N, C-alpha and C. Protein backbone atom coordinates (compact mmCIF):
# COMPACT_ATOMS: atom_id res chain seq x y z
N MET A 1 126.71 11.56 -63.68
CA MET A 1 125.38 10.87 -63.92
C MET A 1 124.35 11.97 -63.91
N SER A 2 123.40 11.83 -64.80
CA SER A 2 122.24 12.75 -64.86
C SER A 2 121.33 12.56 -63.69
N ARG A 3 120.68 13.66 -63.25
CA ARG A 3 119.68 13.59 -62.23
C ARG A 3 118.29 13.19 -62.69
N PHE A 4 118.14 13.13 -64.01
CA PHE A 4 116.89 12.78 -64.65
C PHE A 4 116.88 11.22 -65.05
N ALA A 5 115.76 10.67 -64.92
CA ALA A 5 115.67 9.29 -65.32
C ALA A 5 115.77 9.20 -66.82
N PRO A 6 116.34 8.11 -67.43
CA PRO A 6 116.34 7.90 -68.89
C PRO A 6 115.09 8.19 -69.61
N THR A 7 113.99 7.74 -69.01
CA THR A 7 112.67 8.02 -69.77
C THR A 7 112.40 9.53 -69.82
N THR A 8 112.70 10.33 -68.76
CA THR A 8 112.54 11.70 -68.70
C THR A 8 113.32 12.42 -69.78
N LEU A 9 114.51 11.95 -69.85
CA LEU A 9 115.48 12.49 -70.92
C LEU A 9 114.89 12.10 -72.29
N LEU A 10 114.40 11.03 -72.54
CA LEU A 10 113.80 10.55 -73.80
C LEU A 10 112.61 11.50 -74.08
N CYS A 11 111.75 11.77 -73.09
CA CYS A 11 110.61 12.58 -73.29
C CYS A 11 111.08 14.01 -73.69
N LEU A 12 112.02 14.47 -73.00
CA LEU A 12 112.58 15.87 -73.25
C LEU A 12 113.13 15.94 -74.69
N ALA A 13 113.90 14.91 -75.11
CA ALA A 13 114.45 14.85 -76.38
C ALA A 13 113.35 14.82 -77.47
N ALA A 14 112.27 14.13 -77.15
CA ALA A 14 111.19 14.04 -78.03
C ALA A 14 110.45 15.34 -78.28
N LEU A 15 110.46 16.14 -77.24
CA LEU A 15 109.83 17.50 -77.28
C LEU A 15 110.69 18.55 -78.09
N LEU A 16 111.97 18.35 -78.29
CA LEU A 16 112.89 19.31 -78.96
C LEU A 16 112.35 19.74 -80.39
N PRO A 17 111.96 18.83 -81.16
CA PRO A 17 111.44 19.25 -82.52
C PRO A 17 110.18 20.13 -82.43
N ALA A 18 109.47 20.03 -81.33
CA ALA A 18 108.25 20.77 -81.23
C ALA A 18 108.44 22.15 -80.59
N LEU A 19 109.61 22.44 -80.08
CA LEU A 19 109.90 23.73 -79.50
C LEU A 19 109.63 24.93 -80.36
N PRO A 20 110.07 24.95 -81.63
CA PRO A 20 109.78 26.10 -82.44
C PRO A 20 108.30 26.31 -82.68
N ALA A 21 107.59 25.23 -82.77
CA ALA A 21 106.10 25.38 -82.95
C ALA A 21 105.50 25.84 -81.65
N LEU A 22 106.00 25.53 -80.56
CA LEU A 22 105.47 26.04 -79.24
C LEU A 22 105.67 27.43 -79.11
N ALA A 23 106.96 27.79 -79.55
CA ALA A 23 107.29 29.31 -79.43
C ALA A 23 106.55 30.10 -80.38
N GLU A 24 106.26 29.52 -81.59
CA GLU A 24 105.36 30.11 -82.57
C GLU A 24 104.05 30.41 -81.98
N THR A 25 103.45 29.31 -81.39
CA THR A 25 102.09 29.36 -80.87
C THR A 25 102.00 30.46 -79.74
N SER A 26 103.05 30.43 -78.90
CA SER A 26 103.02 31.46 -77.87
C SER A 26 103.11 32.81 -78.39
N PHE A 27 103.95 32.93 -79.50
CA PHE A 27 104.10 34.37 -80.01
C PHE A 27 102.75 34.75 -80.67
N GLU A 28 102.15 33.78 -81.40
CA GLU A 28 100.77 34.07 -82.06
C GLU A 28 99.76 34.41 -80.87
N LYS A 29 99.80 33.83 -79.82
CA LYS A 29 98.90 34.19 -78.68
C LYS A 29 99.10 35.52 -78.24
N VAL A 30 100.44 36.01 -78.12
CA VAL A 30 100.78 37.26 -77.77
C VAL A 30 100.31 38.30 -78.75
N LYS A 31 100.44 38.01 -80.06
CA LYS A 31 100.08 38.88 -81.11
C LYS A 31 98.48 39.07 -81.13
N ILE A 32 97.79 38.02 -80.85
CA ILE A 32 96.40 38.03 -80.67
C ILE A 32 95.91 38.96 -79.50
N SER A 33 96.51 38.76 -78.41
CA SER A 33 96.26 39.50 -77.20
C SER A 33 96.58 40.96 -77.35
N ALA A 34 97.67 41.32 -78.00
CA ALA A 34 98.07 42.68 -78.23
C ALA A 34 97.16 43.22 -79.36
N GLY A 35 96.73 42.40 -80.33
CA GLY A 35 95.88 42.89 -81.29
C GLY A 35 94.46 43.30 -80.68
N ARG A 36 93.98 42.41 -79.71
CA ARG A 36 92.72 42.75 -79.11
C ARG A 36 92.76 44.14 -78.44
N GLN A 37 93.93 44.33 -77.71
CA GLN A 37 94.13 45.58 -77.03
C GLN A 37 94.13 46.81 -78.05
N LEU A 38 94.78 46.61 -79.10
CA LEU A 38 94.85 47.64 -80.18
C LEU A 38 93.45 47.78 -80.74
N PHE A 39 92.80 46.70 -81.02
CA PHE A 39 91.32 46.75 -81.51
C PHE A 39 90.59 47.47 -80.59
N ASP A 40 90.62 47.29 -79.33
CA ASP A 40 89.89 47.97 -78.33
C ASP A 40 90.12 49.46 -78.37
N GLY A 41 91.30 49.85 -78.52
CA GLY A 41 91.76 51.23 -78.56
C GLY A 41 91.36 51.90 -79.84
N GLU A 42 91.49 51.27 -81.05
CA GLU A 42 91.37 51.86 -82.39
C GLU A 42 90.02 51.57 -83.03
N CYS A 43 89.34 50.49 -82.70
CA CYS A 43 88.21 50.06 -83.56
C CYS A 43 87.00 49.87 -82.75
N HIS A 44 87.08 49.44 -81.47
CA HIS A 44 85.92 49.03 -80.70
C HIS A 44 84.99 50.14 -80.40
N ARG A 45 85.33 51.34 -80.46
CA ARG A 45 84.34 52.38 -80.16
C ARG A 45 83.24 52.37 -81.18
N CYS A 46 83.52 51.83 -82.44
CA CYS A 46 82.52 51.82 -83.53
C CYS A 46 82.13 50.33 -83.98
N HIS A 47 83.03 49.45 -83.74
CA HIS A 47 82.83 48.05 -84.14
C HIS A 47 82.89 47.08 -82.96
N SER A 48 81.78 46.23 -82.99
CA SER A 48 81.82 45.03 -82.01
C SER A 48 82.52 43.91 -82.57
N PRO A 49 83.37 43.19 -81.76
CA PRO A 49 83.95 41.94 -82.26
C PRO A 49 83.04 40.70 -82.24
N ASP A 50 81.83 40.99 -81.73
CA ASP A 50 80.83 39.90 -81.62
C ASP A 50 79.78 40.18 -82.59
N ALA A 51 79.48 39.22 -83.47
CA ALA A 51 78.43 39.35 -84.55
C ALA A 51 77.07 39.51 -84.00
N ASP A 52 76.81 39.07 -82.83
CA ASP A 52 75.43 39.37 -82.23
C ASP A 52 75.28 40.69 -81.53
N ARG A 53 76.29 41.45 -81.46
CA ARG A 53 76.07 42.78 -80.80
C ARG A 53 76.23 43.92 -81.82
N GLN A 54 75.28 44.55 -82.20
CA GLN A 54 75.41 45.76 -83.11
C GLN A 54 75.99 46.92 -82.41
N SER A 55 76.76 47.68 -83.18
CA SER A 55 77.36 48.83 -82.67
C SER A 55 77.14 49.97 -83.72
N TYR A 56 77.88 51.05 -83.74
CA TYR A 56 77.68 52.16 -84.64
C TYR A 56 78.07 51.62 -86.09
N GLY A 57 79.14 50.81 -86.21
CA GLY A 57 79.55 50.21 -87.38
C GLY A 57 79.28 48.67 -87.43
N PRO A 58 79.45 47.99 -88.54
CA PRO A 58 79.16 46.66 -88.52
C PRO A 58 80.17 45.67 -87.52
N PRO A 59 79.61 44.68 -87.09
CA PRO A 59 80.50 43.77 -86.29
C PRO A 59 81.59 43.18 -87.05
N LEU A 60 82.66 42.86 -86.49
CA LEU A 60 83.86 42.36 -87.27
C LEU A 60 84.21 40.94 -86.95
N GLU A 61 83.28 40.24 -86.21
CA GLU A 61 83.52 38.78 -86.12
C GLU A 61 83.28 38.21 -87.41
N ASN A 62 84.15 37.30 -87.80
CA ASN A 62 84.17 36.51 -89.11
C ASN A 62 84.29 37.49 -90.24
N VAL A 63 84.99 38.55 -90.08
CA VAL A 63 85.27 39.48 -91.29
C VAL A 63 86.14 38.91 -92.27
N ILE A 64 87.17 38.14 -91.78
CA ILE A 64 88.14 37.62 -92.72
C ILE A 64 87.36 36.61 -93.73
N GLY A 65 87.46 36.86 -95.05
CA GLY A 65 86.71 36.08 -95.99
C GLY A 65 85.33 36.50 -96.41
N ARG A 66 84.75 37.51 -95.68
CA ARG A 66 83.45 38.08 -95.87
C ARG A 66 83.56 39.06 -97.07
N VAL A 67 82.47 39.04 -97.81
CA VAL A 67 82.29 39.97 -98.82
C VAL A 67 81.87 41.27 -98.24
N ALA A 68 82.59 42.37 -98.51
CA ALA A 68 82.32 43.67 -97.98
C ALA A 68 80.96 44.07 -98.19
N GLY A 69 80.32 44.80 -97.17
CA GLY A 69 78.95 45.31 -97.24
C GLY A 69 77.88 44.35 -97.17
N THR A 70 78.14 43.11 -96.54
CA THR A 70 77.19 42.10 -96.43
C THR A 70 76.76 41.66 -95.04
N SER A 71 77.31 42.32 -94.03
CA SER A 71 76.94 41.97 -92.56
C SER A 71 75.43 42.42 -92.38
N PRO A 72 74.63 41.48 -91.96
CA PRO A 72 73.26 41.82 -91.85
C PRO A 72 72.97 42.97 -90.72
N GLY A 73 71.99 43.73 -90.90
CA GLY A 73 71.70 44.75 -89.94
C GLY A 73 72.50 46.08 -90.01
N TYR A 74 73.16 46.23 -91.07
CA TYR A 74 73.96 47.44 -91.14
C TYR A 74 73.76 48.18 -92.48
N ALA A 75 73.48 49.48 -92.54
CA ALA A 75 73.22 50.25 -93.72
C ALA A 75 74.55 50.63 -94.35
N TYR A 76 75.21 49.94 -95.20
CA TYR A 76 76.41 50.29 -95.84
C TYR A 76 76.31 51.31 -96.92
N SER A 77 77.35 52.03 -97.20
CA SER A 77 77.38 53.03 -98.25
C SER A 77 77.12 52.23 -99.59
N LYS A 78 76.81 52.86 -100.65
CA LYS A 78 76.49 52.31 -101.93
C LYS A 78 77.85 51.77 -102.38
N ALA A 79 78.94 52.56 -102.16
CA ALA A 79 80.24 52.23 -102.68
C ALA A 79 80.80 50.91 -102.08
N LEU A 80 80.61 50.75 -100.79
CA LEU A 80 81.10 49.55 -100.11
C LEU A 80 80.18 48.36 -100.43
N ALA A 81 78.89 48.55 -100.34
CA ALA A 81 77.96 47.44 -100.75
C ALA A 81 78.06 47.00 -102.11
N GLY A 82 78.41 47.73 -102.98
CA GLY A 82 78.48 47.35 -104.42
C GLY A 82 79.91 46.99 -104.81
N SER A 83 80.92 47.01 -103.96
CA SER A 83 82.26 46.84 -104.31
C SER A 83 82.72 45.49 -104.68
N GLY A 84 82.07 44.41 -104.13
CA GLY A 84 82.41 43.00 -104.39
C GLY A 84 83.73 42.57 -103.69
N ILE A 85 84.31 43.49 -102.89
CA ILE A 85 85.63 43.19 -102.30
C ILE A 85 85.41 42.12 -101.12
N VAL A 86 86.29 41.19 -101.10
CA VAL A 86 86.33 40.17 -100.05
C VAL A 86 87.40 40.63 -99.06
N TRP A 87 87.01 40.60 -97.81
CA TRP A 87 87.96 41.05 -96.73
C TRP A 87 89.04 39.99 -96.53
N THR A 88 90.16 40.06 -97.11
CA THR A 88 91.40 39.36 -97.02
C THR A 88 92.23 40.25 -96.06
N PRO A 89 93.25 39.62 -95.52
CA PRO A 89 94.24 40.47 -94.73
C PRO A 89 94.81 41.56 -95.43
N ALA A 90 95.09 41.45 -96.70
CA ALA A 90 95.59 42.58 -97.48
C ALA A 90 94.57 43.62 -97.71
N ALA A 91 93.39 43.26 -97.99
CA ALA A 91 92.28 44.31 -98.19
C ALA A 91 92.01 45.08 -96.79
N LEU A 92 92.14 44.29 -95.75
CA LEU A 92 91.84 44.87 -94.36
C LEU A 92 92.97 45.82 -94.02
N ARG A 93 94.28 45.45 -94.45
CA ARG A 93 95.41 46.30 -94.18
C ARG A 93 95.21 47.61 -94.88
N ALA A 94 94.82 47.52 -96.22
CA ALA A 94 94.70 48.74 -96.97
C ALA A 94 93.58 49.59 -96.34
N TRP A 95 92.57 48.94 -95.89
CA TRP A 95 91.47 49.70 -95.35
C TRP A 95 91.88 50.37 -94.13
N MET A 96 92.65 49.69 -93.26
CA MET A 96 93.03 50.30 -92.03
C MET A 96 93.92 51.46 -92.30
N GLU A 97 94.78 51.37 -93.25
CA GLU A 97 95.73 52.39 -93.57
C GLU A 97 95.08 53.73 -94.09
N ASP A 98 94.15 53.49 -94.99
CA ASP A 98 93.47 54.68 -95.69
C ASP A 98 92.17 54.25 -96.28
N ASN A 99 91.09 54.18 -95.39
CA ASN A 99 89.84 53.58 -95.91
C ASN A 99 89.22 54.47 -96.98
N ALA A 100 89.36 55.70 -96.88
CA ALA A 100 88.68 56.65 -97.86
C ALA A 100 89.57 56.51 -99.17
N GLY A 101 90.71 56.33 -99.21
CA GLY A 101 91.54 56.15 -100.38
C GLY A 101 91.25 54.78 -100.98
N PHE A 102 91.12 53.84 -100.12
CA PHE A 102 90.89 52.42 -100.60
C PHE A 102 89.47 52.37 -101.20
N MET A 103 88.50 52.95 -100.56
CA MET A 103 87.07 52.86 -100.99
C MET A 103 86.47 54.30 -101.02
N PRO A 104 86.72 55.02 -102.08
CA PRO A 104 86.12 56.28 -102.14
C PRO A 104 84.55 56.15 -102.00
N GLY A 105 83.89 57.05 -101.24
CA GLY A 105 82.50 57.03 -101.01
C GLY A 105 82.03 56.21 -99.84
N THR A 106 82.97 55.78 -99.05
CA THR A 106 82.67 54.92 -97.80
C THR A 106 82.04 55.93 -96.82
N LYS A 107 81.32 55.52 -95.92
CA LYS A 107 80.72 56.32 -94.83
C LYS A 107 81.67 56.33 -93.59
N MET A 108 82.51 55.42 -93.51
CA MET A 108 83.43 55.36 -92.35
C MET A 108 84.49 56.45 -92.32
N ARG A 109 84.64 57.11 -91.13
CA ARG A 109 85.61 58.06 -90.98
C ARG A 109 86.45 57.69 -89.79
N HIS A 110 87.71 57.64 -90.08
CA HIS A 110 88.64 57.38 -89.01
C HIS A 110 90.05 57.88 -89.34
N VAL A 111 90.96 57.91 -88.39
CA VAL A 111 92.26 58.24 -88.67
C VAL A 111 92.98 57.03 -88.99
N GLY A 112 93.74 57.05 -90.17
CA GLY A 112 94.46 55.83 -90.62
C GLY A 112 95.35 55.18 -89.70
N ILE A 113 95.54 53.88 -89.69
CA ILE A 113 96.51 53.12 -88.97
C ILE A 113 97.62 52.75 -89.88
N GLU A 114 98.70 53.55 -89.93
CA GLU A 114 99.71 53.37 -90.89
C GLU A 114 100.81 52.44 -90.40
N ASP A 115 100.95 52.23 -89.19
CA ASP A 115 101.95 51.38 -88.61
C ASP A 115 101.72 49.97 -88.92
N ARG A 116 102.53 49.29 -89.71
CA ARG A 116 102.29 47.99 -90.27
C ARG A 116 102.39 46.86 -89.06
N THR A 117 103.10 47.21 -87.93
CA THR A 117 103.10 46.25 -86.89
C THR A 117 101.77 46.41 -86.13
N VAL A 118 101.23 47.54 -86.00
CA VAL A 118 99.87 47.66 -85.39
C VAL A 118 98.83 46.99 -86.25
N GLN A 119 98.94 47.13 -87.54
CA GLN A 119 98.09 46.33 -88.41
C GLN A 119 98.17 44.92 -88.34
N ASP A 120 99.46 44.39 -88.18
CA ASP A 120 99.75 42.98 -88.01
C ASP A 120 98.98 42.44 -86.84
N PHE A 121 99.09 43.15 -85.79
CA PHE A 121 98.44 42.71 -84.40
C PHE A 121 96.97 42.71 -84.55
N ILE A 122 96.44 43.78 -85.17
CA ILE A 122 94.89 43.79 -85.29
C ILE A 122 94.46 42.75 -86.17
N LEU A 123 95.23 42.50 -87.26
CA LEU A 123 94.85 41.37 -88.13
C LEU A 123 94.89 40.06 -87.56
N ALA A 124 95.91 39.88 -86.61
CA ALA A 124 96.01 38.57 -85.93
C ALA A 124 94.73 38.38 -85.08
N TYR A 125 94.33 39.48 -84.43
CA TYR A 125 93.16 39.40 -83.61
C TYR A 125 91.82 39.14 -84.44
N LEU A 126 91.73 39.91 -85.55
CA LEU A 126 90.57 39.68 -86.48
C LEU A 126 90.60 38.24 -86.97
N THR A 127 91.75 37.77 -87.30
CA THR A 127 91.75 36.35 -87.78
C THR A 127 91.38 35.39 -86.71
N SER A 128 91.71 35.69 -85.45
CA SER A 128 91.41 34.76 -84.30
C SER A 128 89.82 34.75 -84.13
N ILE A 129 89.16 35.81 -84.51
CA ILE A 129 87.62 35.87 -84.29
C ILE A 129 86.85 35.54 -85.60
N SER A 130 87.61 35.11 -86.61
CA SER A 130 87.01 34.74 -87.85
C SER A 130 87.10 33.26 -88.01
N HIS A 131 86.02 32.58 -87.95
CA HIS A 131 85.98 31.13 -87.92
C HIS A 131 85.75 30.54 -89.33
């Protein structure tokens, strides 16, 4: 005989279909947390994750879906301001990997982030701060 009451077993059985989603949610939280740490190490010295806080570069809150070169209060290069690029995950990935190759004439200088896993984590964080 089970040590659990029948209603407890029914509740546990009802949760079984949700377990993959819970695991995915937990993994997504881990990705976001790791992404924030990687952002802090790779990007934060020049970019704020908060739209209300200016830094050397433009803030990256709500960057996903934003047209490049449009964050108020930042003097963009002519190349970026006139590019018409929308910051999608694919565009941000290309930018992280080789921003000068992606957008010749940009002012931004940095060492490329070529590791796709690192890019994935940073993108997960940037997505989490884009509403």
